[in-house]
Amino acid sequence: MEIANVLDSAVVDLNMEAQNKDEALKYLSKKLKDAGYIENLDMFLKDIYYRESLDLTGIGEGVAIPHGQSESVKKIGIAIGKLNKPIKWETIDGKDVNLIFLFAVSKGNVEGNPHLKLLSSLARRLAKKENIKALKEAKTFADILQVFK
């Protein structure tokens, strides 16, 4: 499964406003709920916060990849938020975050580990600084898709 195949403009905000990590996670989770990716917002957020408590999801270079498996997820998706102003986040390089990829993956969806395959695919793309730069400069959903094709 490739990232470009699960991206959806309905859950992407390239001019996102959030004052902190909590606001960002709630906002992107609500976008996933409104677009039909998750059933129960509170359950999904609880599962995301549980995963956040286990390890850093801020991978550096201003990027965070919060994720976790939740029974609330109806279909796999990735909400993307490009923040207008960086926010504090626990990261491996200690830098604030301005690009967030929030994964929605069902707890029961373990066959073939789509969650791990998507994370791996995203990590490969983000290993190239030019891709991070392109994502941070993206003005449209098409610009985002271009990085993942």
Protein backbone atom coordinates (compact mmCIF):
# COMPACT_ATOMS: atom_id res chain seq x y z
CA MET A 1 0.00 0.00 0.00
CA GLU A 2 1.40 3.35 -1.06
CA ILE A 3 0.80 6.65 0.68
CA ALA A 4 -0.53 8.34 -2.46
CA ASN A 5 -3.32 5.74 -2.52
CA VAL A 6 -4.64 6.70 0.93
CA LEU A 7 -4.26 10.48 0.75
CA ASP A 8 -7.51 12.44 0.66
CA SER A 9 -7.85 16.20 0.25
CA ALA A 10 -10.75 16.13 2.77
CA VAL A 11 -8.27 15.41 5.58
CA VAL A 12 -5.48 17.77 4.54
CA ASP A 13 -5.07 21.34 5.77
CA LEU A 14 -2.15 23.29 4.34
CA ASN A 15 -2.96 26.42 6.38
CA MET A 16 -3.55 24.86 9.76
CA GLU A 17 -3.80 26.92 12.93
CA ALA A 18 -3.01 25.29 16.27
CA GLN A 19 -1.43 26.69 19.40
CA ASN A 20 -0.15 23.35 20.70
CA LYS A 21 0.08 19.61 20.14
CA ASP A 22 -3.28 18.94 21.82
CA GLU A 23 -5.12 21.37 19.54
CA ALA A 24 -3.38 19.92 16.48
CA LEU A 25 -4.24 16.32 17.33
CA LYS A 26 -7.87 17.18 18.10
CA TYR A 27 -8.24 19.23 14.92
CA LEU A 28 -6.79 16.57 12.61
CA SER A 29 -8.73 13.82 14.39
CA LYS A 30 -11.96 15.77 13.86
CA LYS A 31 -11.16 16.06 10.15
CA LEU A 32 -10.80 12.26 10.04
CA LYS A 33 -14.12 11.84 11.88
CA ASP A 34 -15.94 14.32 9.62
CA ALA A 35 -14.61 12.54 6.51
CA GLY A 36 -15.79 9.13 7.76
CA TYR A 37 -12.43 7.59 8.65
CA ILE A 38 -13.20 7.15 12.34
CA GLU A 39 -16.40 6.50 14.30
CA ASN A 40 -15.59 7.65 17.80
CA LEU A 41 -13.45 10.76 18.20
CA ASP A 42 -12.79 10.29 21.92
CA MET A 43 -11.73 6.66 21.53
CA PHE A 44 -9.44 7.52 18.63
CA LEU A 45 -7.80 10.37 20.55
CA LYS A 46 -7.33 8.13 23.60
CA ASP A 47 -5.51 5.58 21.41
CA ILE A 48 -3.37 8.28 19.79
CA TYR A 49 -2.42 9.76 23.17
CA TYR A 50 -1.58 6.27 24.46
CA ARG A 51 0.86 5.80 21.56
CA GLU A 52 2.27 9.30 22.17
CA SER A 53 3.03 8.25 25.77
CA LEU A 54 5.19 5.35 24.58
CA ASP A 55 7.71 7.08 22.34
CA LEU A 56 8.50 10.22 20.37
CA THR A 57 6.54 10.78 17.19
CA GLY A 58 8.43 13.95 16.31
CA ILE A 59 10.96 12.61 13.82
CA GLY A 60 12.91 15.85 13.41
CA GLU A 61 13.16 18.53 10.73
CA GLY A 62 9.82 19.95 11.94
CA VAL A 63 7.86 16.75 11.18
CA ALA A 64 5.67 14.63 13.48
CA ILE A 65 4.00 11.32 12.68
CA PRO A 66 1.49 10.63 15.45
CA HIS A 67 -0.13 7.24 15.01
CA GLY A 68 -1.70 4.37 16.79
CA GLN A 69 -4.15 1.63 16.13
CA SER A 70 -7.75 2.18 17.17
CA GLU A 71 -10.97 0.18 17.02
CA SER A 72 -12.67 3.45 16.13
CA VAL A 73 -11.05 3.51 12.67
CA LYS A 74 -13.38 2.48 9.81
CA LYS A 75 -10.82 2.90 7.01
CA ILE A 76 -7.12 3.64 6.79
CA GLY A 77 -6.25 7.28 6.29
CA ILE A 78 -3.63 9.92 6.91
CA ALA A 79 -4.60 13.43 7.94
CA ILE A 80 -1.97 16.02 7.06
CA GLY A 81 -1.61 19.39 8.70
CA LYS A 82 0.88 22.05 7.62
CA LEU A 83 0.97 24.59 10.41
CA ASN A 84 1.29 28.31 9.75
CA LYS A 85 3.31 28.62 12.97
CA PRO A 86 5.44 25.80 14.46
CA ILE A 87 4.29 24.24 17.75
CA LYS A 88 6.07 22.49 20.61
CA TRP A 89 6.28 18.71 20.21
CA GLU A 90 8.52 16.05 21.66
CA THR A 91 11.01 15.46 18.83
CA ILE A 92 14.32 13.67 18.34
CA ASP A 93 16.06 16.92 17.39
CA GLY A 94 14.32 19.18 19.92
CA LYS A 95 12.84 21.40 17.18
CA ASP A 96 9.23 22.56 16.96
CA VAL A 97 6.86 20.93 14.47
CA ASN A 98 5.07 22.49 11.52
CA LEU A 99 4.17 19.39 9.48
CA ILE A 100 1.99 16.61 10.95
CA PHE A 101 0.95 13.26 9.46
CA LEU A 102 -1.77 11.70 11.66
CA PHE A 103 -2.33 8.05 10.82
CA ALA A 104 -5.72 6.37 11.29
CA VAL A 105 -5.32 2.59 11.31
CA SER A 106 -7.74 0.01 12.67
CA LYS A 107 -6.63 -2.15 15.57
CA GLY A 108 -8.05 -5.21 13.86
CA ASN A 109 -6.31 -4.49 10.55
CA VAL A 110 -3.11 -6.44 11.11
CA GLU A 111 -3.03 -8.64 8.00
CA GLY A 112 -0.05 -7.46 6.00
CA ASN A 113 0.59 -4.73 8.60
CA PRO A 114 -0.69 -1.81 6.46
CA HIS A 115 0.11 0.55 9.33
CA LEU A 116 3.78 -0.45 9.34
CA LYS A 117 4.00 -0.44 5.54
CA LEU A 118 2.57 3.08 5.38
CA LEU A 119 4.89 4.32 8.12
CA SER A 120 7.84 2.76 6.32
CA SER A 121 6.83 4.32 3.01
CA LEU A 122 6.43 7.73 4.63
CA ALA A 123 9.77 7.42 6.42
CA ARG A 124 11.52 6.62 3.13
CA ARG A 125 10.07 9.75 1.53
CA LEU A 126 10.88 11.93 4.51
CA ALA A 127 14.47 10.69 4.62
CA LYS A 128 15.09 12.97 1.65
CA LYS A 129 15.36 16.59 2.75
CA GLU A 130 14.11 17.78 -0.65
CA ASN A 131 10.80 15.97 0.00
CA ILE A 132 10.41 17.62 3.41
CA LYS A 133 11.15 20.98 1.79
CA ALA A 134 8.58 20.33 -0.97
CA LEU A 135 5.95 19.32 1.59
CA LYS A 136 6.57 22.41 3.69
CA GLU A 137 6.30 24.59 0.58
CA ALA A 138 3.17 22.83 -0.71
CA LYS A 139 0.31 25.17 -1.52
CA THR A 140 -2.17 22.61 -2.87
CA PHE A 141 -3.18 19.00 -2.36
CA ALA A 142 -1.68 18.26 -5.80
CA ASP A 143 1.68 19.52 -4.50
CA ILE A 144 1.45 17.00 -1.63
CA LEU A 145 0.50 14.16 -3.97
CA GLN A 146 3.46 14.95 -6.23
CA VAL A 147 5.89 14.16 -3.40
CA PHE A 148 4.34 10.72 -2.91
CA LYS A 149 4.06 9.63 -6.55
